[in-house]
C-alpha atoms as a PDB file:
ATOM      1  CA  UNK A   1      10.549   0.207   2.681  1.00  0.00           C
ATOM      2  CA  UNK A   2       9.928  -3.397   2.436  1.00  0.00           C
ATOM      3  CA  UNK A   3      12.824  -4.398   4.754  1.00  0.00           C
ATOM      4  CA  UNK A   4      11.726  -2.136   7.355  1.00  0.00           C
ATOM      5  CA  UNK A   5       8.263  -3.675   7.247  1.00  0.00           C
ATOM      6  CA  UNK A   6       9.344  -7.326   7.423  1.00  0.00           C
ATOM      7  CA  UNK A   7      12.263  -6.949   9.975  1.00  0.00           C
ATOM      8  CA  UNK A   8      11.136  -4.250  12.489  1.00  0.00           C
ATOM      9  CA  UNK A   9       8.740  -5.442  15.845  1.00  0.00           C
ATOM     10  CA  UNK A  10       5.099  -5.723  14.272  1.00  0.00           C
ATOM     11  CA  UNK A  11       3.953  -4.169  17.516  1.00  0.00           C
ATOM     12  CA  UNK A  12       5.523  -0.400  16.846  1.00  0.00           C
ATOM     13  CA  UNK A  13       2.667   0.047  14.477  1.00  0.00           C
ATOM     14  CA  UNK A  14       0.074  -1.443  16.726  1.00  0.00           C
ATOM     15  CA  UNK A  15       0.274   1.274  19.406  1.00  0.00           C
ATOM     16  CA  UNK A  16      -1.045   3.837  17.084  1.00  0.00           C
ATOM     17  CA  UNK A  17      -4.383   1.534  16.271  1.00  0.00           C
ATOM     18  CA  UNK A  18      -7.635   0.920  18.363  1.00  0.00           C
ATOM     19  CA  UNK A  19      -7.338  -2.894  18.418  1.00  0.00           C
ATOM     20  CA  UNK A  20     -10.949  -3.413  18.781  1.00  0.00           C
ATOM     21  CA  UNK A  21     -13.979  -3.713  21.139  1.00  0.00           C
ATOM     22  CA  UNK A  22     -13.985  -4.708  24.750  1.00  0.00           C
ATOM     23  CA  UNK A  23     -13.936  -8.277  24.927  1.00  0.00           C
ATOM     24  CA  UNK A  24     -17.163  -8.759  27.511  1.00  0.00           C
ATOM     25  CA  UNK A  25     -19.143  -7.392  24.446  1.00  0.00           C
ATOM     26  CA  UNK A  26     -18.069 -10.219  22.231  1.00  0.00           C
ATOM     27  CA  UNK A  27     -18.616 -13.109  24.769  1.00  0.00           C
ATOM     28  CA  UNK A  28     -21.568 -12.336  24.603  1.00  0.00           C
ATOM     29  CA  UNK A  29     -22.057 -12.615  20.653  1.00  0.00           C
ATOM     30  CA  UNK A  30     -23.332  -8.590  20.968  1.00  0.00           C
ATOM     31  CA  UNK A  31     -22.430  -6.775  17.671  1.00  0.00           C
ATOM     32  CA  UNK A  32     -20.002  -3.566  18.694  1.00  0.00           C
ATOM     33  CA  UNK A  33     -19.979  -0.528  16.478  1.00  0.00           C
ATOM     34  CA  UNK A  34     -16.153  -0.316  17.644  1.00  0.00           C
ATOM     35  CA  UNK A  35     -15.141  -3.928  16.360  1.00  0.00           C
ATOM     36  CA  UNK A  36     -13.268  -4.564  13.191  1.00  0.00           C
ATOM     37  CA  UNK A  37     -12.078  -8.015  13.634  1.00  0.00           C
ATOM     38  CA  UNK A  38     -12.856 -11.735  14.039  1.00  0.00           C
ATOM     39  CA  UNK A  39     -11.004 -13.345  17.094  1.00  0.00           C
ATOM     40  CA  UNK A  40     -11.170 -16.756  19.142  1.00  0.00           C
ATOM     41  CA  UNK A  41     -12.795 -16.760  22.363  1.00  0.00           C
ATOM     42  CA  UNK A  42     -13.197 -20.010  24.946  1.00  0.00           C
ATOM     43  CA  UNK A  43     -12.668 -22.955  24.038  1.00  0.00           C
ATOM     44  CA  UNK A  44     -12.161 -23.200  20.450  1.00  0.00           C
ATOM     45  CA  UNK A  45     -14.622 -20.539  20.016  1.00  0.00           C
ATOM     46  CA  UNK A  46     -14.444 -18.220  17.420  1.00  0.00           C
ATOM     47  CA  UNK A  47     -15.600 -14.424  17.282  1.00  0.00           C
ATOM     48  CA  UNK A  48     -15.955 -12.793  13.942  1.00  0.00           C
ATOM     49  CA  UNK A  49     -16.649  -9.402  12.302  1.00  0.00           C
ATOM     50  CA  UNK A  50     -16.380  -7.018   9.333  1.00  0.00           C
ATOM     51  CA  UNK A  51     -14.029  -3.856   9.872  1.00  0.00           C
ATOM     52  CA  UNK A  52     -14.919  -0.356   7.437  1.00  0.00           C
ATOM     53  CA  UNK A  53     -12.782   2.556   7.083  1.00  0.00           C
ATOM     54  CA  UNK A  54     -15.301   5.051   6.688  1.00  0.00           C
ATOM     55  CA  UNK A  55     -15.753   4.916   2.533  1.00  0.00           C
ATOM     56  CA  UNK A  56     -18.965   5.030   1.216  1.00  0.00           C
ATOM     57  CA  UNK A  57     -19.069   1.409   0.017  1.00  0.00           C
ATOM     58  CA  UNK A  58     -22.239   0.197  -1.545  1.00  0.00           C
ATOM     59  CA  UNK A  59     -22.042  -3.666  -0.428  1.00  0.00           C
ATOM     60  CA  UNK A  60     -24.739  -5.375   0.825  1.00  0.00           C
ATOM     61  CA  UNK A  61     -24.271  -4.811   4.722  1.00  0.00           C
ATOM     62  CA  UNK A  62     -25.862  -2.139   6.672  1.00  0.00           C
ATOM     63  CA  UNK A  63     -24.173   0.351   9.005  1.00  0.00           C
ATOM     64  CA  UNK A  64     -25.094  -1.447  11.899  1.00  0.00           C
ATOM     65  CA  UNK A  65     -23.779  -4.640  10.468  1.00  0.00           C
ATOM     66  CA  UNK A  66     -20.376  -3.279   9.701  1.00  0.00           C
ATOM     67  CA  UNK A  67     -17.707  -3.373  12.463  1.00  0.00           C
ATOM     68  CA  UNK A  68     -19.817  -6.453  13.786  1.00  0.00           C
ATOM     69  CA  UNK A  69     -18.316  -8.857  16.471  1.00  0.00           C
ATOM     70  CA  UNK A  70     -19.429 -12.581  15.897  1.00  0.00           C
ATOM     71  CA  UNK A  71     -18.970 -15.384  18.193  1.00  0.00           C
ATOM     72  CA  UNK A  72     -19.278 -19.226  16.633  1.00  0.00           C
ATOM     73  CA  UNK A  73     -18.422 -22.413  18.760  1.00  0.00           C
ATOM     74  CA  UNK A  74     -17.021 -25.150  15.987  1.00  0.00           C
ATOM     75  CA  UNK A  75     -18.546 -28.713  15.955  1.00  0.00           C
ATOM     76  CA  UNK A  76     -14.988 -29.820  15.890  1.00  0.00           C
ATOM     77  CA  UNK A  77     -11.752 -28.714  17.496  1.00  0.00           C
ATOM     78  CA  UNK A  78     -10.846 -25.285  16.013  1.00  0.00           C
ATOM     79  CA  UNK A  79      -8.596 -21.871  16.737  1.00  0.00           C
ATOM     80  CA  UNK A  80      -9.108 -19.462  14.206  1.00  0.00           C
ATOM     81  CA  UNK A  81      -8.779 -15.680  14.140  1.00  0.00           C
ATOM     82  CA  UNK A  82     -10.349 -13.999  11.022  1.00  0.00           C
ATOM     83  CA  UNK A  83     -10.117 -10.455  10.409  1.00  0.00           C
ATOM     84  CA  UNK A  84     -12.934  -9.109   7.334  1.00  0.00           C
ATOM     85  CA  UNK A  85     -12.876  -6.008   6.041  1.00  0.00           C
ATOM     86  CA  UNK A  86     -15.384  -5.047   3.481  1.00  0.00           C
ATOM     87  CA  UNK A  87     -13.749  -3.335   0.530  1.00  0.00           C
ATOM     88  CA  UNK A  88     -14.555  -2.515  -3.303  1.00  0.00           C
ATOM     89  CA  UNK A  89     -15.681  -4.931  -5.547  1.00  0.00           C
ATOM     90  CA  UNK A  90     -12.848  -7.533  -6.767  1.00  0.00           C
ATOM     91  CA  UNK A  91     -12.974  -6.150 -10.280  1.00  0.00           C
ATOM     92  CA  UNK A  92     -12.205  -2.662  -9.249  1.00  0.00           C
ATOM     93  CA  UNK A  93      -8.425  -4.428  -8.238  1.00  0.00           C
ATOM     94  CA  UNK A  94      -8.044  -6.178 -11.250  1.00  0.00           C
ATOM     95  CA  UNK A  95      -5.404  -3.669 -13.360  1.00  0.00           C
ATOM     96  CA  UNK A  96      -3.871  -2.827 -10.170  1.00  0.00           C
ATOM     97  CA  UNK A  97      -3.865  -6.144  -8.393  1.00  0.00           C
ATOM     98  CA  UNK A  98      -3.713  -4.140  -5.130  1.00  0.00           C
ATOM     99  CA  UNK A  99      -5.368  -7.398  -3.144  1.00  0.00           C
ATOM    100  CA  UNK A 100      -2.884  -9.733  -4.629  1.00  0.00           C
ATOM    101  CA  UNK A 101       0.078  -7.203  -3.579  1.00  0.00           C
ATOM    102  CA  UNK A 102      -1.575  -6.889   0.203  1.00  0.00           C
ATOM    103  CA  UNK A 103      -2.235 -10.591   0.227  1.00  0.00           C
ATOM    104  CA  UNK A 104       1.664 -11.553  -0.705  1.00  0.00           C
ATOM    105  CA  UNK A 105       3.214  -9.253   2.164  1.00  0.00           C
ATOM    106  CA  UNK A 106       0.478 -10.055   4.417  1.00  0.00           C
ATOM    107  CA  UNK A 107       0.720 -13.934   3.863  1.00  0.00           C
ATOM    108  CA  UNK A 108       4.545 -13.979   3.554  1.00  0.00           C
ATOM    109  CA  UNK A 109       6.197 -16.458   5.193  1.00  0.00           C
ATOM    110  CA  UNK A 110       9.803 -14.886   4.941  1.00  0.00           C
ATOM    111  CA  UNK A 111      12.012 -13.995   8.397  1.00  0.00           C
ATOM    112  CA  UNK A 112      10.468 -10.811   9.739  1.00  0.00           C
ATOM    113  CA  UNK A 113       7.034 -11.327   8.243  1.00  0.00           C
ATOM    114  CA  UNK A 114       3.554 -11.816  10.288  1.00  0.00           C
ATOM    115  CA  UNK A 115       3.944 -15.168  10.183  1.00  0.00           C
ATOM    116  CA  UNK A 116       7.514 -15.430  11.021  1.00  0.00           C
ATOM    117  CA  UNK A 117       6.794 -13.298  13.955  1.00  0.00           C
ATOM    118  CA  UNK A 118       3.724 -15.776  15.184  1.00  0.00           C
ATOM    119  CA  UNK A 119       4.805 -19.205  14.417  1.00  0.00           C
ATOM    120  CA  UNK A 120       8.531 -18.914  15.167  1.00  0.00           C
ATOM    121  CA  UNK A 121       9.643 -16.099  16.578  1.00  0.00           C
ATOM    122  CA  UNK A 122       7.475 -15.542  19.732  1.00  0.00           C
ATOM    123  CA  UNK A 123       7.915 -18.248  22.361  1.00  0.00           C
ATOM    124  CA  UNK A 124       5.382 -20.113  22.672  1.00  0.00           C
ATOM    125  CA  UNK A 125       4.285 -19.756  19.037  1.00  0.00           C
ATOM    126  CA  UNK A 126       0.897 -17.800  19.256  1.00  0.00           C
ATOM    127  CA  UNK A 127      -0.229 -19.214  15.452  1.00  0.00           C
ATOM    128  CA  UNK A 128       0.314 -22.594  12.968  1.00  0.00           C
ATOM    129  CA  UNK A 129      -0.306 -20.363  10.009  1.00  0.00           C
ATOM    130  CA  UNK A 130      -1.353 -16.889   8.348  1.00  0.00           C
ATOM    131  CA  UNK A 131      -3.141 -16.118   5.138  1.00  0.00           C
ATOM    132  CA  UNK A 132      -4.464 -13.193   3.530  1.00  0.00           C
ATOM    133  CA  UNK A 133      -6.824 -12.436   0.438  1.00  0.00           C
ATOM    134  CA  UNK A 134      -9.903 -12.041  -0.865  1.00  0.00           C
ATOM    135  CA  UNK A 135     -12.519 -14.181   0.650  1.00  0.00           C
ATOM    136  CA  UNK A 136     -15.734 -13.244  -0.666  1.00  0.00           C
ATOM    137  CA  UNK A 137     -16.671 -11.609  -3.667  1.00  0.00           C
ATOM    138  CA  UNK A 138     -20.066  -9.700  -4.368  1.00  0.00           C
ATOM    139  CA  UNK A 139     -21.440  -7.993  -6.968  1.00  0.00           C
ATOM    140  CA  UNK A 140     -20.751  -4.525  -5.587  1.00  0.00           C
ATOM    141  CA  UNK A 141     -17.971  -4.939  -2.741  1.00  0.00           C
ATOM    142  CA  UNK A 142     -16.115  -8.183  -1.592  1.00  0.00           C
ATOM    143  CA  UNK A 143     -14.364  -9.285   1.663  1.00  0.00           C
ATOM    144  CA  UNK A 144     -10.927  -8.985   2.458  1.00  0.00           C
ATOM    145  CA  UNK A 145      -9.495 -11.027   5.207  1.00  0.00           C
ATOM    146  CA  UNK A 146      -6.570 -12.027   7.036  1.00  0.00           C
ATOM    147  CA  UNK A 147      -7.026 -15.606   8.639  1.00  0.00           C
ATOM    148  CA  UNK A 148      -4.908 -16.872  11.549  1.00  0.00           C
ATOM    149  CA  UNK A 149      -4.644 -20.567  12.927  1.00  0.00           C
ATOM    150  CA  UNK A 150      -4.148 -20.116  16.657  1.00  0.00           C
ATOM    151  CA  UNK A 151      -1.955 -22.287  19.150  1.00  0.00           C
ATOM    152  CA  UNK A 152      -3.841 -22.641  22.268  1.00  0.00           C
ATOM    153  CA  UNK A 153      -1.598 -19.705  23.510  1.00  0.00           C
ATOM    154  CA  UNK A 154      -2.709 -17.968  20.779  1.00  0.00           C
ATOM    155  CA  UNK A 155      -6.221 -18.270  21.470  1.00  0.00           C
ATOM    156  CA  UNK A 156      -5.313 -17.175  25.360  1.00  0.00           C
ATOM    157  CA  UNK A 157      -3.680 -14.115  24.023  1.00  0.00           C
ATOM    158  CA  UNK A 158      -5.775 -13.422  20.993  1.00  0.00           C
ATOM    159  CA  UNK A 159      -6.362  -9.746  21.447  1.00  0.00           C
ATOM    160  CA  UNK A 160      -2.239  -9.516  21.464  1.00  0.00           C
ATOM    161  CA  UNK A 161      -2.508 -11.280  18.024  1.00  0.00           C
ATOM    162  CA  UNK A 162      -5.144  -8.935  16.612  1.00  0.00           C
ATOM    163  CA  UNK A 163      -2.774  -6.316  17.750  1.00  0.00           C
ATOM    164  CA  UNK A 164       0.123  -7.462  15.498  1.00  0.00           C
ATOM    165  CA  UNK A 165      -2.222  -8.292  12.684  1.00  0.00           C
ATOM    166  CA  UNK A 166      -2.957  -4.414  12.778  1.00  0.00           C
ATOM    167  CA  UNK A 167       0.833  -3.492  13.274  1.00  0.00           C
ATOM    168  CA  UNK A 168       2.062  -5.499  10.173  1.00  0.00           C
ATOM    169  CA  UNK A 169      -0.924  -3.503   8.155  1.00  0.00           C
ATOM    170  CA  UNK A 170       0.189  -0.177  10.054  1.00  0.00           C
ATOM    171  CA  UNK A 171       3.624  -0.868   8.868  1.00  0.00           C
ATOM    172  CA  UNK A 172       2.469  -1.793   5.180  1.00  0.00           C
ATOM    173  CA  UNK A 173       0.308   1.256   4.891  1.00  0.00           C
ATOM    174  CA  UNK A 174       3.211   3.388   5.992  1.00  0.00           C
ATOM    175  CA  UNK A 175       5.553   1.542   3.299  1.00  0.00           C
ATOM    176  CA  UNK A 176       3.043   2.284   0.362  1.00  0.00           C
ATOM    177  CA  UNK A 177       2.627   5.653   1.468  1.00  0.00           C
ATOM    178  CA  UNK A 178       6.550   6.476   0.836  1.00  0.00           C
ATOM    179  CA  UNK A 179       6.690   4.211  -2.442  1.00  0.00           C
ATOM    180  CA  UNK A 180       7.244   5.581  -5.761  1.00  0.00           C
ATOM    181  CA  UNK A 181       5.095   4.990  -8.791  1.00  0.00           C
ATOM    182  CA  UNK A 182       6.286   1.574 -10.605  1.00  0.00           C
ATOM    183  CA  UNK A 183       5.719  -0.847  -7.797  1.00  0.00           C
ATOM    184  CA  UNK A 184       2.448  -0.811  -7.228  1.00  0.00           C
ATOM    185  CA  UNK A 185       2.987   0.611  -3.959  1.00  0.00           C
ATOM    186  CA  UNK A 186       5.867  -1.521  -2.735  1.00  0.00           C
ATOM    187  CA  UNK A 187       9.311  -2.033  -4.055  1.00  0.00           C
ATOM    188  CA  UNK A 188       8.949  -2.724  -7.332  1.00  0.00           C
ATOM    189  CA  UNK A 189      10.886  -6.036  -6.807  1.00  0.00           C
ATOM    190  CA  UNK A 190       7.916  -7.303  -4.726  1.00  0.00           C
ATOM    191  CA  UNK A 191       5.484  -6.697  -7.944  1.00  0.00           C
ATOM    192  CA  UNK A 192       8.144  -8.368 -10.408  1.00  0.00           C
ATOM    193  CA  UNK A 193       7.701 -11.445  -8.173  1.00  0.00           C
ATOM    194  CA  UNK A 194       4.773 -11.647  -7.866  1.00  0.00           C
ATOM    195  CA  UNK A 195       3.891 -10.995 -11.931  1.00  0.00           C
ATOM    196  CA  UNK A 196       6.875 -13.686 -12.596  1.00  0.00           C
ATOM    197  CA  UNK A 197       5.415 -16.149 -10.825  1.00  0.00           C
ATOM    198  CA  UNK A 198       1.911 -15.827 -12.022  1.00  0.00           C
ATOM    199  CA  UNK A 199       3.136 -15.595 -15.434  1.00  0.00           C
ATOM    200  CA  UNK A 200       4.868 -19.178 -14.502  1.00  0.00           C
ATOM    201  CA  UNK A 201       1.856 -20.462 -12.909  1.00  0.00           C
ATOM    202  CA  UNK A 202      -0.178 -19.517 -16.416  1.00  0.00           C
ATOM    203  CA  UNK A 203       2.749 -21.192 -18.542  1.00  0.00           C
ATOM    204  CA  UNK A 204       2.746 -24.359 -16.648  1.00  0.00           C
ATOM    205  CA  UNK A 205      -0.548 -24.784 -15.524  1.00  0.00           C
ATOM    206  CA  UNK A 206      -2.015 -28.195 -14.321  1.00  0.00           C
ATOM    207  CA  UNK A 207      -4.533 -29.780 -16.365  1.00  0.00           C
ATOM    208  CA  UNK A 208      -8.038 -28.768 -14.661  1.00  0.00           C
ATOM    209  CA  UNK A 209     -11.439 -30.190 -14.706  1.00  0.00           C
ATOM    210  CA  UNK A 210     -13.229 -29.154 -17.747  1.00  0.00           C
ATOM    211  CA  UNK A 211     -16.435 -28.263 -16.011  1.00  0.00           C
ATOM    212  CA  UNK A 212     -14.946 -25.826 -14.168  1.00  0.00           C
ATOM    213  CA  UNK A 213     -12.538 -24.158 -17.079  1.00  0.00           C
ATOM    214  CA  UNK A 214     -15.755 -23.737 -18.764  1.00  0.00           C
ATOM    215  CA  UNK A 215     -17.971 -22.409 -16.090  1.00  0.00           C
ATOM    216  CA  UNK A 216     -14.716 -19.550 -15.507  1.00  0.00           C
ATOM    217  CA  UNK A 217     -14.175 -18.813 -18.972  1.00  0.00           C
ATOM    218  CA  UNK A 218     -18.066 -18.256 -19.428  1.00  0.00           C
ATOM    219  CA  UNK A 219     -18.452 -15.946 -16.822  1.00  0.00           C
ATOM    220  CA  UNK A 220     -15.310 -14.078 -17.405  1.00  0.00           C
ATOM    221  CA  UNK A 221     -16.652 -13.550 -21.125  1.00  0.00           C
ATOM    222  CA  UNK A 222     -19.198 -11.262 -19.329  1.00  0.00           C
ATOM    223  CA  UNK A 223     -16.379  -8.828 -17.960  1.00  0.00           C
ATOM    224  CA  UNK A 224     -16.913  -5.590 -19.817  1.00  0.00           C
ATOM    225  CA  UNK A 225     -13.967  -3.988 -21.615  1.00  0.00           C
ATOM    226  CA  UNK A 226     -12.243  -7.798 -21.645  1.00  0.00           C
ATOM    227  CA  UNK A 227     -10.321  -8.549 -24.934  1.00  0.00           C
ATOM    228  CA  UNK A 228     -11.204 -12.054 -26.391  1.00  0.00           C
ATOM    229  CA  UNK A 229      -7.201 -12.462 -25.940  1.00  0.00           C
ATOM    230  CA  UNK A 230      -7.279 -11.495 -22.078  1.00  0.00           C
ATOM    231  CA  UNK A 231     -10.169 -14.404 -21.486  1.00  0.00           C
ATOM    232  CA  UNK A 232      -7.799 -17.084 -20.643  1.00  0.00           C
ATOM    233  CA  UNK A 233      -4.713 -15.252 -19.103  1.00  0.00           C
ATOM    234  CA  UNK A 234      -7.026 -12.636 -17.278  1.00  0.00           C
ATOM    235  CA  UNK A 235      -6.484 -13.935 -13.559  1.00  0.00           C
ATOM    236  CA  UNK A 236      -2.601 -14.282 -14.404  1.00  0.00           C
ATOM    237  CA  UNK A 237      -2.114 -10.589 -15.718  1.00  0.00           C
ATOM    238  CA  UNK A 238      -0.429  -8.122 -14.110  1.00  0.00           C
ATOM    239  CA  UNK A 239      -0.088  -4.345 -15.107  1.00  0.00           C
ATOM    240  CA  UNK A 240       3.214  -3.267 -16.727  1.00  0.00           C
ATOM    241  CA  UNK A 241       5.650  -1.373 -14.396  1.00  0.00           C
ATOM    242  CA  UNK A 242       5.063   2.009 -15.422  1.00  0.00           C
ATOM    243  CA  UNK A 243       1.060   1.666 -15.114  1.00  0.00           C
ATOM    244  CA  UNK A 244       1.769  -0.023 -11.701  1.00  0.00           C
ATOM    245  CA  UNK A 245       0.311   2.982  -9.723  1.00  0.00           C
ATOM    246  CA  UNK A 246       0.600   3.380  -5.815  1.00  0.00           C
ATOM    247  CA  UNK A 247      -2.869   4.965  -5.312  1.00  0.00           C
ATOM    248  CA  UNK A 248      -5.472   1.294  -5.298  1.00  0.00           C
ATOM    249  CA  UNK A 249      -2.972  -0.250  -2.710  1.00  0.00           C
ATOM    250  CA  UNK A 250      -3.069   3.016  -0.719  1.00  0.00           C
ATOM    251  CA  UNK A 251      -6.757   3.212  -0.691  1.00  0.00           C
ATOM    252  CA  UNK A 252      -7.126  -0.362   0.114  1.00  0.00           C
ATOM    253  CA  UNK A 253      -4.906  -0.184   3.214  1.00  0.00           C
ATOM    254  CA  UNK A 254      -7.177   2.702   4.123  1.00  0.00           C
ATOM    255  CA  UNK A 255      -9.904   0.304   4.275  1.00  0.00           C
ATOM    256  CA  UNK A 256      -8.380  -2.234   6.438  1.00  0.00           C
ATOM    257  CA  UNK A 257      -9.070  -0.552   9.837  1.00  0.00           C
ATOM    258  CA  UNK A 258     -10.667  -1.814  13.262  1.00  0.00           C
ATOM    259  CA  UNK A 259     -13.575   0.757  12.651  1.00  0.00           C
END
């Protein structure tokens, strides 16, 4: 279960995965069909791309663009590794909260997590922070990402960092595959914790800027099937325990591959 996910060495799952393309292809900024990650290269440069797990997604990217590799030279000093995957549009995960569950585990800072491994356990540390979640949302698809702020040592060992990220995803995929119904694909306490935090965030929300609130609510009113009583609470709502089926999370994780 989750204890195995957060406490076992994350490299255990990485060996079964293809970690990505040869770096000589990326250093020239070329696109590689085998790439599925965004990595840091050189002195502060950044290499990025979007992976695809093989499902038929009607997103804005062509087959040639999927699995691409992009290198960028930052204007200021920056060491960032970002893995991007094209997944279903954000509305497809609203009921299950699959992207929220994946984000909660991949971005967790508890002992045994990916963040803990990269920032505290390994010596010298390879990263200073790890975050995960939906980065971009389109009308027909969205981009899920894992972003890692690298240390200078992490920049030099960016391939290893990428493998560890995929190792964490592999273990999460195994956990979701073995999970019973009721927890959304993870042990029930994980979903319960996130649902509780969301409820508290809604009940004790800080006062927001009026224009932003109006724009968000106006956009939300166009959501098909959304009841008027849910317009305010929609971003904070979670499915009931008996409706938290593991299938959406499993399907999401199948898309998070290097291909």
